[in-house]
Amino acid sequence: MFRKRFRTILFFFARVLISLAFWEILLPHVGLNRLSEKGRTRRFVESARRYRLLAIKMGGVLIKVGQFLSVRVDMLPPEVTDELSGLQDQVPPEDFRRIRSLAETELGTTLEDSFLSFEEIPLASASLGQVHRAVLNPRNALKVDDRVVDQVVVKIQRPDIEKIIEVDLSAFRIVTGWLQRYKPIRKRVDLPLLMEEFSRILNQEIDYIHESENAQRFGEIYQGKPDIRVPRVIWEKTTHKVLTLEDVYAIKITNYQEIADAGVELTVVARRLFSSYMEQIFEKEFFHADPHPGNLFVIPPEESPEGKWQLAFVDFGMVGQVPPQAREGLREAVIAVGTQDARRLVLAYEKLGFLLPTADLDVLELAEAKVLERVWGKSMSEIGKIDHREFMEIGLEFRDLMYEMPFQIPQDLLLLGRTIVILSGMCTGLDPAFNVWGSLRPYAEELIMSELTGNWDKWWGEIELILRSLISLPGRLDGLLSQAERGELQVQVKGIEGKLAGIETGLKVLSGSIIFLALLIGGIQLVLAGIILPGYILLGLSLVPLLMVLFR
């Protein structure tokens, strides 16, 4: 069974990659761009549809990867993400007899002995496990202040999931090895390293003791804060494969009408969700890294112990910590966006490790300034209404930058980037007029004030640097004028050699493509005219320029 699974995954991705190589690399290289562009969206959607069906059938890591890709609206066409979004809630449940057997083995007793009632139909079904509602026996109930917690949810791991994950990851390591051979990908991201990070996260997710500790830590963070609800852990009924938590499931955060009917304003929910994540990332440096709709709920006032609505978090298997080296970069990025400082934003990219060593910082700063000028202060819905031709003009103005795309993905920020992408989409869904710029401004102002009042050594260093520059300025100007008088002044254009080399290579590729097409068409015409031998000779000769173009 597992060998067949391994071969099925490899065969699927081999077909997809061969198709991509043919349509998106080979045809454009030989000058057939229009043929490549024709039907591109249809091909992508068909590949996404086949992947979704395969993931639903096989489960495991395939579901996780599909869920991740379904929220990458920044990377994939909307038709593809829409097709993959079905994986968020289309995971078929496991046979309850197998679930019961695993749970009773782990707990060391029957379900009837542990629970007054246990619902066989799962409340939620995910790729690694599924959740069932239950009521604890009085002897196992948890007492909290003046109330008893006996309404619980029991999360039970899917049988054989450890072996399935091992097989899936082995197949994905081979696939990422194939992708790593492609230079544009290899240049921007270390896929094998990302795979190891992904493996580490998955192995933590299937350890429910680890998840319990995460839930307890979040409970301590939000203790005494009635706006946020974190379920309590029932440790007596928790093992590495079974997790029992207080039941805080309520209105799913994407059930907008039901939230509104409960008397809760969607705009307020969006603000609370955003501010809770800003607190987790910038103050606690420990954040819930899986904020998809099935893990966030709105508890109506009448169901809340506090008597007012609460935002509830569940599923703490995937959490993230802000790496020490990224803290300063994130801080700088927030200040830069809040103050529309393009230069500071580019420097923040550098500190975060987002830029390749070859990145032209000056050009990138100009491009960021243009974009900030156009979109700053607008809601996501207003940005969506901007004429696409305006962005096309910016793209044309900075076409070299767009072609080079000097960005890379640091593996230690993978979870944070994924979380921010999903969070942005959820806030916009709750409130189409959600203004991320206005929401970031208070944090930017707070960080600026802390910078002004709490880092005098840094400021004195900056002042000293400015004074030294001013003192040395007359001497530098005198040297510059002397060089100009002697005719020794030289002007260097950064990166010009690389651009000229690129033009030269492009011309060679174009010439080779023209020769290939001429020989190919000539050979086909001769064969069709019945002049067989010369026709086949021309067809054979056409392979020479084709191979030269491909190797270039």
Protein backbone atom coordinates (compact mmCIF):
# COMPACT_ATOMS: atom_id res chain seq x y z
CA MET A 1 0.00 0.00 0.00
CA PHE A 2 2.69 2.49 1.00
CA ARG A 3 4.86 1.73 -2.06
CA LYS A 4 1.88 2.33 -4.32
CA ARG A 5 1.21 5.62 -2.52
CA PHE A 6 4.85 6.69 -2.99
CA ARG A 7 4.77 5.88 -6.73
CA THR A 8 1.42 7.62 -7.23
CA ILE A 9 2.71 10.90 -5.73
CA LEU A 10 5.92 10.83 -7.78
CA PHE A 11 4.07 9.98 -11.00
CA PHE A 12 1.57 12.82 -10.48
CA PHE A 13 4.26 15.46 -9.94
CA ALA A 14 6.43 14.10 -12.76
CA ARG A 15 3.52 14.62 -15.17
CA VAL A 16 2.87 18.15 -13.86
CA LEU A 17 6.54 19.18 -14.04
CA ILE A 18 7.05 17.75 -17.54
CA SER A 19 3.97 19.64 -18.70
CA LEU A 20 5.23 22.87 -17.10
CA ALA A 21 8.70 22.42 -18.62
CA PHE A 22 7.22 21.93 -22.09
CA TRP A 23 4.65 24.74 -22.04
CA GLU A 24 6.37 27.33 -19.82
CA ILE A 25 10.10 26.83 -20.59
CA LEU A 26 10.63 25.00 -23.89
CA LEU A 27 8.04 26.81 -26.05
CA PRO A 28 8.99 30.36 -24.89
CA HIS A 29 12.69 29.50 -25.44
CA VAL A 30 12.05 28.69 -29.08
CA GLY A 31 9.94 31.81 -29.67
CA LEU A 32 6.47 30.24 -29.34
CA ASN A 33 5.27 32.51 -26.51
CA ARG A 34 1.77 32.91 -27.91
CA LEU A 35 1.27 29.16 -28.06
CA SER A 36 2.53 28.92 -24.47
CA GLU A 37 0.11 31.61 -23.25
CA LYS A 38 -2.87 30.10 -25.04
CA GLY A 39 -4.86 27.97 -22.61
CA ARG A 40 -2.43 28.63 -19.71
CA THR A 41 -5.18 29.28 -17.14
CA ARG A 42 -7.10 26.20 -18.28
CA ARG A 43 -3.98 24.03 -17.88
CA PHE A 44 -3.27 25.37 -14.38
CA VAL A 45 -6.86 24.88 -13.23
CA GLU A 46 -6.91 21.33 -14.60
CA SER A 47 -3.67 20.50 -12.75
CA ALA A 48 -5.12 22.00 -9.54
CA ARG A 49 -8.34 20.02 -9.98
CA ARG A 50 -6.45 16.74 -10.44
CA TYR A 51 -4.31 17.53 -7.38
CA ARG A 52 -7.39 18.30 -5.26
CA LEU A 53 -9.05 15.01 -6.22
CA LEU A 54 -5.84 13.08 -5.51
CA ALA A 55 -5.40 14.81 -2.13
CA ILE A 56 -9.00 14.05 -1.08
CA LYS A 57 -8.51 10.43 -2.07
CA MET A 58 -5.11 9.95 -0.39
CA GLY A 59 -5.11 12.50 2.46
CA GLY A 60 -1.93 12.97 4.52
CA VAL A 61 0.64 15.58 3.55
CA LEU A 62 -1.08 16.13 0.19
CA ILE A 63 -3.96 17.84 2.03
CA LYS A 64 -1.55 20.03 4.03
CA VAL A 65 0.33 21.16 0.92
CA GLY A 66 -2.95 21.85 -0.91
CA GLN A 67 -4.31 23.90 2.00
CA PHE A 68 -1.10 25.95 2.07
CA LEU A 69 -1.22 26.61 -1.69
CA SER A 70 -4.94 27.48 -1.54
CA VAL A 71 -4.17 30.64 0.43
CA ARG A 72 -1.19 31.75 -1.67
CA VAL A 73 -3.19 34.32 -3.61
CA ASP A 74 0.06 36.28 -3.93
CA MET A 75 1.70 33.42 -5.84
CA LEU A 76 -1.02 31.57 -7.76
CA PRO A 77 -3.87 32.65 -10.06
CA PRO A 78 -7.28 32.99 -8.31
CA GLU A 79 -8.71 30.19 -10.48
CA VAL A 80 -6.12 27.81 -9.01
CA THR A 81 -6.57 28.91 -5.37
CA ASP A 82 -10.35 28.66 -5.75
CA GLU A 83 -9.97 25.09 -7.00
CA LEU A 84 -7.68 24.15 -4.11
CA SER A 85 -9.76 25.93 -1.44
CA GLY A 86 -12.06 22.90 -1.36
CA LEU A 87 -9.31 21.11 0.59
CA GLN A 88 -10.02 23.36 3.60
CA ASP A 89 -13.24 21.47 4.40
CA GLN A 90 -13.43 18.41 2.14
CA VAL A 91 -11.34 15.93 4.13
CA PRO A 92 -13.33 12.67 4.45
CA PRO A 93 -13.60 11.27 8.01
CA GLU A 94 -11.91 8.07 9.14
CA ASP A 95 -13.93 4.93 9.90
CA PHE A 96 -15.14 5.39 13.52
CA ARG A 97 -14.29 1.79 14.46
CA ARG A 98 -10.62 2.46 13.77
CA ILE A 99 -10.80 5.81 15.60
CA ARG A 100 -12.45 4.15 18.63
CA SER A 101 -9.81 1.40 18.72
CA LEU A 102 -6.93 3.90 18.66
CA ALA A 103 -8.52 6.15 21.31
CA GLU A 104 -9.26 3.31 23.71
CA THR A 105 -5.74 1.89 23.31
CA GLU A 106 -4.24 5.31 24.09
CA LEU A 107 -6.54 6.09 27.05
CA GLY A 108 -6.33 2.56 28.46
CA THR A 109 -10.09 2.35 28.94
CA THR A 110 -13.32 2.31 26.94
CA LEU A 111 -14.91 5.51 25.67
CA GLU A 112 -18.00 4.73 27.76
CA ASP A 113 -15.88 4.65 30.92
CA SER A 114 -14.22 8.00 30.16
CA PHE A 115 -17.21 9.93 28.81
CA LEU A 116 -20.90 10.23 29.62
CA SER A 117 -21.50 10.65 25.89
CA PHE A 118 -19.32 10.59 22.78
CA GLU A 119 -20.51 11.65 19.31
CA GLU A 120 -19.48 9.19 16.62
CA ILE A 121 -19.93 11.69 13.77
CA PRO A 122 -16.90 14.01 13.88
CA LEU A 123 -17.34 17.72 14.48
CA ALA A 124 -14.38 18.39 12.19
CA SER A 125 -12.17 16.20 10.02
CA ALA A 126 -8.62 17.25 9.14
CA SER A 127 -5.68 15.74 7.33
CA LEU A 128 -3.92 14.39 10.42
CA GLY A 129 -6.81 13.75 12.81
CA GLN A 130 -10.46 14.41 13.55
CA VAL A 131 -12.44 16.02 16.37
CA HIS A 132 -15.44 14.54 18.23
CA ARG A 133 -17.69 16.24 20.77
CA ALA A 134 -18.07 14.51 24.15
CA VAL A 135 -19.19 15.02 27.76
CA LEU A 136 -16.80 14.02 30.54
CA ASN A 137 -17.75 11.78 33.44
CA PRO A 138 -18.12 13.89 36.64
CA ARG A 139 -14.93 12.40 38.13
CA ASN A 140 -12.92 13.65 35.14
CA ALA A 141 -14.54 17.09 34.87
CA LEU A 142 -12.36 20.19 35.34
CA LYS A 143 -13.35 22.83 37.92
CA VAL A 144 -12.58 26.42 36.88
CA ASP A 145 -13.47 29.11 39.43
CA ASP A 146 -17.18 28.62 40.08
CA ARG A 147 -18.00 26.49 37.01
CA VAL A 148 -17.43 22.91 35.90
CA VAL A 149 -15.89 22.18 32.48
CA ASP A 150 -17.35 18.90 31.23
CA GLN A 151 -18.27 19.81 27.62
CA VAL A 152 -15.17 18.81 25.64
CA VAL A 153 -13.84 18.00 22.21
CA VAL A 154 -11.60 14.97 21.70
CA LYS A 155 -9.03 15.17 18.92
CA ILE A 156 -7.92 11.72 17.77
CA GLN A 157 -5.07 11.03 15.40
CA ARG A 158 -5.75 9.11 12.18
CA PRO A 159 -4.44 5.52 12.32
CA ASP A 160 -1.11 4.94 10.51
CA ILE A 161 -0.67 8.71 10.01
CA GLU A 162 3.00 8.57 11.07
CA LYS A 163 3.83 6.06 8.32
CA ILE A 164 1.75 8.01 5.78
CA ILE A 165 3.63 11.22 6.62
CA GLU A 166 6.98 9.41 6.31
CA VAL A 167 6.07 8.08 2.83
CA ASP A 168 4.65 11.42 1.65
CA LEU A 169 7.67 13.40 2.84
CA SER A 170 10.02 10.95 1.11
CA ALA A 171 8.17 11.55 -2.17
CA PHE A 172 8.10 15.32 -1.69
CA ARG A 173 11.86 15.38 -1.00
CA ILE A 174 12.44 13.80 -4.41
CA VAL A 175 10.07 16.32 -6.06
CA THR A 176 11.81 19.28 -4.40
CA GLY A 177 15.13 17.81 -5.58
CA TRP A 178 13.80 17.98 -9.15
CA LEU A 179 12.67 21.58 -8.67
CA GLN A 180 16.00 22.56 -7.09
CA ARG A 181 17.73 21.77 -10.38
CA TYR A 182 15.96 24.74 -11.99
CA LYS A 183 18.23 27.77 -11.48
CA PRO A 184 15.56 30.50 -10.98
CA ILE A 185 14.09 28.43 -8.12
CA ARG A 186 17.48 27.39 -6.69
CA LYS A 187 18.58 31.02 -6.68
CA ARG A 188 15.67 32.19 -4.52
CA VAL A 189 14.92 29.38 -2.12
CA ASP A 190 16.66 26.37 -0.61
CA LEU A 191 13.88 23.83 -1.14
CA PRO A 192 15.59 20.90 0.65
CA LEU A 193 16.03 23.12 3.71
CA LEU A 194 12.38 24.18 3.50
CA MET A 195 11.38 20.52 3.30
CA GLU A 196 13.28 19.78 6.51
CA GLU A 197 11.51 22.70 8.21
CA PHE A 198 8.16 21.42 6.92
CA SER A 199 8.99 17.91 8.21
CA ARG A 200 9.85 19.29 11.65
CA ILE A 201 6.56 21.20 11.83
CA LEU A 202 4.53 18.15 10.75
CA ASN A 203 6.19 15.89 13.31
CA GLN A 204 5.35 18.44 16.01
CA GLU A 205 1.74 18.56 14.80
CA ILE A 206 1.21 14.82 15.36
CA ASP A 207 2.54 15.03 18.92
CA TYR A 208 -0.55 16.02 20.91
CA ILE A 209 1.43 16.48 24.12
CA HIS A 210 3.37 19.20 22.32
CA GLU A 211 0.08 20.74 21.13
CA SER A 212 -1.30 20.61 24.69
CA GLU A 213 1.71 22.54 25.97
CA ASN A 214 1.20 25.14 23.24
CA ALA A 215 -2.49 25.49 24.19
CA GLN A 216 -1.54 25.94 27.85
CA ARG A 217 1.02 28.60 26.94
CA PHE A 218 -1.58 30.51 24.91
CA GLY A 219 -3.99 30.20 27.82
CA GLU A 220 -1.40 31.87 30.08
CA ILE A 221 -0.84 34.65 27.51
CA TYR A 222 -4.55 35.50 27.42
CA GLN A 223 -5.32 34.84 31.07
CA GLY A 224 -7.34 37.73 32.44
CA LYS A 225 -8.22 38.98 28.94
CA PRO A 226 -11.95 38.29 28.44
CA ASP A 227 -11.92 39.24 24.73
CA ILE A 228 -9.96 36.08 23.75
CA ARG A 229 -10.89 32.50 24.63
CA VAL A 230 -8.37 29.65 24.67
CA PRO A 231 -9.61 26.12 25.57
CA ARG A 232 -8.29 24.45 28.70
CA VAL A 233 -6.50 21.10 28.44
CA ILE A 234 -7.96 18.03 30.18
CA TRP A 235 -4.60 16.43 30.93
CA GLU A 236 -6.07 13.22 32.41
CA LYS A 237 -7.54 12.36 28.99
CA THR A 238 -4.61 13.50 26.82
CA THR A 239 -1.82 11.40 25.30
CA HIS A 240 0.53 11.70 22.33
CA LYS A 241 -2.31 10.63 19.99
CA VAL A 242 -5.45 11.77 21.85
CA LEU A 243 -6.07 15.37 22.95
CA THR A 244 -9.04 16.42 25.10
CA LEU A 245 -9.85 20.13 25.33
CA GLU A 246 -12.62 22.35 26.64
CA ASP A 247 -15.26 22.79 23.92
CA VAL A 248 -15.10 26.38 22.65
CA TYR A 249 -16.39 25.64 19.15
CA ALA A 250 -18.99 28.25 18.20
CA ILE A 251 -19.71 30.33 15.08
CA LYS A 252 -17.08 29.75 12.40
CA ILE A 253 -15.32 33.04 11.68
CA THR A 254 -16.30 32.90 8.00
CA ASN A 255 -20.06 32.49 8.75
CA TYR A 256 -20.56 36.22 8.37
CA GLN A 257 -24.38 36.27 8.44
CA GLU A 258 -24.54 34.11 11.58
CA ILE A 259 -22.03 36.40 13.32
CA ALA A 260 -24.09 39.47 12.38
CA ASP A 261 -27.31 37.74 13.55
CA ALA A 262 -25.65 37.17 16.94
CA GLY A 263 -25.29 40.95 17.28
CA VAL A 264 -21.54 41.08 16.67
CA GLU A 265 -20.15 43.61 14.17
CA LEU A 266 -17.92 42.05 11.52
CA THR A 267 -15.65 45.11 11.44
CA VAL A 268 -15.01 44.72 15.18
CA VAL A 269 -14.18 41.03 14.71
CA ALA A 270 -11.66 41.94 11.97
CA ARG A 271 -9.97 44.50 14.22
CA ARG A 272 -9.80 42.12 17.20
CA LEU A 273 -8.40 39.32 15.04
CA PHE A 274 -5.72 41.61 13.58
CA SER A 275 -4.75 43.17 16.92
CA SER A 276 -4.51 39.74 18.60
CA TYR A 277 -2.00 38.62 15.97
CA MET A 278 -0.02 41.85 16.23
CA GLU A 279 0.25 41.23 19.97
CA GLN A 280 1.32 37.62 19.44
CA ILE A 281 3.96 38.51 16.82
CA PHE A 282 5.42 41.76 18.18
CA GLU A 283 4.94 41.46 21.95
CA LYS A 284 4.88 37.75 22.77
CA GLU A 285 6.93 36.62 19.71
CA PHE A 286 4.89 33.39 19.83
CA PHE A 287 1.94 33.06 17.47
CA HIS A 288 -0.83 30.71 16.34
CA ALA A 289 0.43 29.72 12.88
CA ASP A 290 -2.67 28.06 11.40
CA PRO A 291 -5.40 30.75 11.33
CA HIS A 292 -7.64 29.10 8.74
CA PRO A 293 -11.45 29.37 9.18
CA GLY A 294 -11.80 26.00 10.92
CA ASN A 295 -9.56 27.14 13.79
CA LEU A 296 -11.18 30.48 14.68
CA PHE A 297 -14.63 31.03 16.18
CA VAL A 298 -16.84 33.82 17.46
CA ILE A 299 -18.57 32.96 20.77
CA PRO A 300 -21.84 34.95 21.04
CA PRO A 301 -22.46 36.96 24.26
CA GLU A 302 -25.16 34.56 25.52
CA GLU A 303 -22.78 31.57 25.29
CA SER A 304 -19.78 33.29 26.86
CA PRO A 305 -19.01 32.99 30.59
CA GLU A 306 -18.05 36.67 30.48
CA GLY A 307 -21.41 37.77 29.06
CA LYS A 308 -19.86 39.40 25.97
CA TRP A 309 -18.66 38.00 22.67
CA GLN A 310 -15.23 36.36 22.49
CA LEU A 311 -12.76 35.38 19.76
CA ALA A 312 -11.80 31.73 20.27
CA PHE A 313 -8.66 29.94 19.01
CA VAL A 314 -8.39 26.16 18.57
CA ASP A 315 -5.77 23.77 17.12
CA PHE A 316 -2.34 24.69 18.47
CA GLY A 317 -0.36 22.03 16.62
CA MET A 318 1.20 24.61 14.35
CA VAL A 319 2.70 27.56 16.23
CA GLY A 320 5.56 29.85 15.34
CA GLN A 321 8.19 31.84 17.17
CA VAL A 322 9.75 35.01 15.80
CA PRO A 323 13.47 34.26 15.22
CA PRO A 324 15.82 36.58 17.15
CA GLN A 325 17.48 37.82 13.95
CA ALA A 326 14.07 38.71 12.46
CA ARG A 327 12.76 40.82 15.35
CA GLU A 328 14.58 43.99 14.36
CA GLY A 329 13.66 43.52 10.70
CA LEU A 330 9.95 43.11 11.48
CA ARG A 331 10.06 46.14 13.73
CA GLU A 332 11.68 48.20 10.98
CA ALA A 333 9.14 46.97 8.41
CA VAL A 334 6.17 48.04 10.54
CA ILE A 335 7.67 51.49 11.15
CA ALA A 336 8.49 51.84 7.44
CA VAL A 337 4.95 50.95 6.30
CA GLY A 338 3.36 53.10 9.02
CA THR A 339 5.45 56.12 7.99
CA GLN A 340 5.53 55.39 4.20
CA ASP A 341 9.33 55.23 4.32
CA ALA A 342 10.40 53.23 1.24
CA ARG A 343 14.11 53.37 2.12
CA ARG A 344 13.51 51.97 5.57
CA LEU A 345 11.30 49.25 4.11
CA VAL A 346 14.08 48.10 1.77
CA LEU A 347 16.54 48.03 4.68
CA ALA A 348 13.98 45.96 6.62
CA TYR A 349 13.89 43.49 3.71
CA GLU A 350 17.67 43.19 4.01
CA LYS A 351 17.54 42.54 7.76
CA LEU A 352 14.85 39.90 7.25
CA GLY A 353 16.94 38.14 4.60
CA PHE A 354 14.33 38.68 1.86
CA LEU A 355 16.79 40.03 -0.73
CA LEU A 356 19.35 38.26 -2.88
CA PRO A 357 22.93 39.61 -2.71
CA THR A 358 22.56 40.93 -6.28
CA ALA A 359 19.51 43.10 -5.49
CA ASP A 360 19.73 46.73 -6.65
CA LEU A 361 18.57 48.54 -3.49
CA ASP A 362 18.22 51.97 -5.12
CA VAL A 363 15.90 50.71 -7.87
CA LEU A 364 13.95 48.64 -5.35
CA GLU A 365 13.51 51.72 -3.16
CA LEU A 366 12.08 53.72 -6.09
CA ALA A 367 9.68 50.89 -6.93
CA GLU A 368 8.52 50.57 -3.30
CA ALA A 369 7.99 54.35 -3.10
CA LYS A 370 5.78 54.20 -6.21
CA VAL A 371 3.71 51.34 -4.85
CA LEU A 372 3.33 52.90 -1.38
CA GLU A 373 2.29 56.19 -2.96
CA ARG A 374 -0.42 54.42 -4.95
CA VAL A 375 -1.87 52.02 -2.36
CA TRP A 376 -1.10 53.52 1.07
CA GLY A 377 -4.20 54.34 3.09
CA LYS A 378 -6.55 52.34 0.86
CA SER A 379 -8.63 49.38 1.95
CA MET A 380 -8.17 46.05 0.20
CA SER A 381 -11.43 46.54 -1.71
CA GLU A 382 -10.26 49.99 -2.88
CA ILE A 383 -6.94 48.52 -3.99
CA GLY A 384 -8.87 45.91 -5.96
CA LYS A 385 -10.65 48.70 -7.86
CA ILE A 386 -7.43 50.38 -9.02
CA ASP A 387 -7.10 50.17 -12.80
CA HIS A 388 -4.70 47.31 -13.54
CA ARG A 389 -3.05 49.49 -16.20
CA GLU A 390 -1.58 51.66 -13.42
CA PHE A 391 0.24 48.65 -11.99
CA MET A 392 1.24 47.65 -15.53
CA GLU A 393 2.86 51.08 -15.94
CA ILE A 394 4.82 50.61 -12.70
CA GLY A 395 5.82 47.15 -13.92
CA LEU A 396 7.05 48.54 -17.23
CA GLU A 397 8.94 51.34 -15.50
CA PHE A 398 10.77 48.78 -13.35
CA ARG A 399 10.76 45.91 -15.85
CA ASP A 400 14.37 44.96 -15.12
CA LEU A 401 13.54 44.65 -11.43
CA MET A 402 10.41 42.60 -12.23
CA TYR A 403 12.45 40.32 -14.48
CA GLU A 404 15.20 39.76 -11.92
CA MET A 405 12.79 39.42 -8.93
CA PRO A 406 15.62 39.68 -6.37
CA PHE A 407 13.63 38.10 -3.53
CA GLN A 408 14.12 34.87 -1.63
CA ILE A 409 12.25 33.00 1.13
CA PRO A 410 14.11 32.54 4.45
CA GLN A 411 13.02 29.17 5.81
CA ASP A 412 12.75 30.40 9.41
CA LEU A 413 10.09 32.92 8.32
CA LEU A 414 8.00 30.42 6.36
CA LEU A 415 5.33 30.07 9.07
CA LEU A 416 5.18 33.80 9.74
CA GLY A 417 4.77 34.62 6.04
CA ARG A 418 2.06 31.98 5.65
CA THR A 419 0.23 33.30 8.74
CA ILE A 420 0.28 36.92 7.55
CA VAL A 421 -1.03 35.93 4.09
CA ILE A 422 -3.97 33.99 5.59
CA LEU A 423 -4.65 36.68 8.21
CA SER A 424 -4.85 39.41 5.57
CA GLY A 425 -7.41 37.43 3.57
CA MET A 426 -9.55 36.66 6.64
CA CYS A 427 -9.65 40.30 7.81
CA THR A 428 -10.63 41.43 4.32
CA GLY A 429 -13.36 38.77 4.20
CA LEU A 430 -14.80 40.05 7.48
CA ASP A 431 -14.51 43.68 6.44
CA PRO A 432 -13.95 44.50 2.73
CA ALA A 433 -13.05 48.05 3.83
CA PHE A 434 -10.42 46.76 6.26
CA ASN A 435 -7.47 49.16 6.17
CA VAL A 436 -4.27 47.34 7.07
CA TRP A 437 -2.32 50.62 6.90
CA GLY A 438 -4.49 52.33 9.50
CA SER A 439 -4.39 49.21 11.67
CA LEU A 440 -0.58 49.15 11.53
CA ARG A 441 -0.17 52.85 12.33
CA PRO A 442 -0.67 52.54 16.14
CA TYR A 443 2.00 49.83 16.30
CA ALA A 444 4.34 51.93 14.16
CA GLU A 445 3.84 54.97 16.41
CA GLU A 446 4.43 52.89 19.53
CA LEU A 447 7.62 51.41 18.09
CA ILE A 448 8.86 54.88 17.03
CA MET A 449 8.26 56.24 20.54
CA SER A 450 10.15 53.33 22.09
CA GLU A 451 12.96 53.99 19.60
CA LEU A 452 13.10 57.69 20.53
CA THR A 453 13.04 57.17 24.29
CA GLY A 454 14.77 53.84 24.75
CA ASN A 455 17.83 53.82 22.51
CA TRP A 456 19.92 56.93 23.16
CA ASP A 457 23.19 55.14 22.34
CA LYS A 458 21.95 54.44 18.84
CA TRP A 459 20.85 58.07 18.35
CA TRP A 460 24.20 59.45 19.59
CA GLY A 461 25.92 57.09 17.14
CA GLU A 462 23.78 58.43 14.27
CA ILE A 463 24.50 62.05 15.26
CA GLU A 464 28.25 61.30 15.43
CA LEU A 465 28.13 59.72 11.96
CA ILE A 466 26.33 62.76 10.49
CA LEU A 467 28.84 65.19 12.05
CA ARG A 468 31.78 63.21 10.66
CA SER A 469 30.21 63.26 7.18
CA LEU A 470 29.67 67.03 7.38
CA ILE A 471 33.27 67.66 8.50
CA SER A 472 34.71 65.51 5.68
CA LEU A 473 32.39 66.96 2.99
CA PRO A 474 34.56 70.00 1.92
CA GLY A 475 37.63 67.79 1.42
CA ARG A 476 35.67 65.24 -0.62
CA LEU A 477 34.18 67.96 -2.81
CA ASP A 478 37.65 69.45 -3.43
CA GLY A 479 38.96 66.03 -4.50
CA LEU A 480 36.01 65.55 -6.83
CA LEU A 481 36.52 68.93 -8.52
CA SER A 482 40.26 68.26 -8.91
CA GLN A 483 39.52 64.97 -10.69
CA ALA A 484 37.07 66.75 -13.01
CA GLU A 485 39.67 69.43 -13.90
CA ARG A 486 42.28 66.77 -14.77
CA GLY A 487 39.75 64.84 -16.89
CA GLU A 488 40.03 61.81 -14.61
CA LEU A 489 36.40 61.73 -13.49
CA GLN A 490 34.76 58.40 -14.34
CA VAL A 491 31.08 57.48 -14.12
CA GLN A 492 30.10 53.87 -13.45
CA VAL A 493 26.62 52.51 -14.15
CA LYS A 494 25.84 49.76 -11.66
CA GLY A 495 25.09 46.42 -13.28
CA ILE A 496 25.63 47.60 -16.88
CA GLU A 497 28.00 44.70 -17.69
CA GLY A 498 25.43 42.15 -16.62
CA LYS A 499 22.69 43.83 -18.65
CA LEU A 500 24.86 43.98 -21.79
CA ALA A 501 25.73 40.31 -21.34
CA GLY A 502 22.04 39.55 -20.99
CA ILE A 503 21.26 41.40 -24.24
CA GLU A 504 24.04 39.51 -26.03
CA THR A 505 22.72 36.17 -24.75
CA GLY A 506 19.19 37.14 -25.75
CA LEU A 507 20.30 37.96 -29.30
CA LYS A 508 22.08 34.61 -29.58
CA VAL A 509 19.01 32.77 -28.34
CA LEU A 510 16.81 34.71 -30.79
CA SER A 511 19.15 33.89 -33.69
CA GLY A 512 19.23 30.21 -32.74
CA SER A 513 15.42 30.14 -32.47
CA ILE A 514 15.02 31.66 -35.96
CA ILE A 515 17.47 29.14 -37.47
CA PHE A 516 15.68 26.27 -35.68
CA LEU A 517 12.26 27.36 -36.96
CA ALA A 518 13.57 27.90 -40.51
CA LEU A 519 15.12 24.41 -40.66
CA LEU A 520 12.07 22.82 -39.01
CA ILE A 521 9.55 24.45 -41.37
CA GLY A 522 11.77 23.79 -44.41
CA GLY A 523 12.16 20.13 -43.48
CA ILE A 524 8.40 19.68 -42.91
CA GLN A 525 7.61 21.28 -46.29
CA LEU A 526 10.11 19.06 -48.13
CA VAL A 527 8.73 15.90 -46.47
CA LEU A 528 5.16 16.90 -47.34
CA ALA A 529 6.26 17.58 -50.94
CA GLY A 530 7.66 14.04 -51.19
CA ILE A 531 11.35 15.08 -51.11
CA ILE A 532 12.00 12.74 -48.21
CA LEU A 533 15.79 12.53 -47.71
CA PRO A 534 16.61 16.29 -47.87
CA GLY A 535 13.55 16.92 -45.68
CA TYR A 536 14.78 14.55 -42.97
CA ILE A 537 18.27 16.04 -43.20
CA LEU A 538 16.85 19.51 -42.49
CA LEU A 539 14.76 18.16 -39.61
CA GLY A 540 17.84 16.52 -38.14
CA LEU A 541 19.90 19.69 -38.54
CA SER A 542 17.15 21.71 -36.73
CA LEU A 543 18.05 19.83 -33.53
CA VAL A 544 21.47 21.52 -33.39
CA PRO A 545 20.22 25.15 -32.91
CA LEU A 546 17.41 23.84 -30.66
CA LEU A 547 19.91 22.19 -28.29
CA MET A 548 22.11 25.31 -28.36
CA VAL A 549 19.13 27.50 -27.38
CA LEU A 550 18.09 25.17 -24.57
CA PHE A 551 21.59 24.92 -23.14
CA ARG A 552 21.91 28.72 -23.22
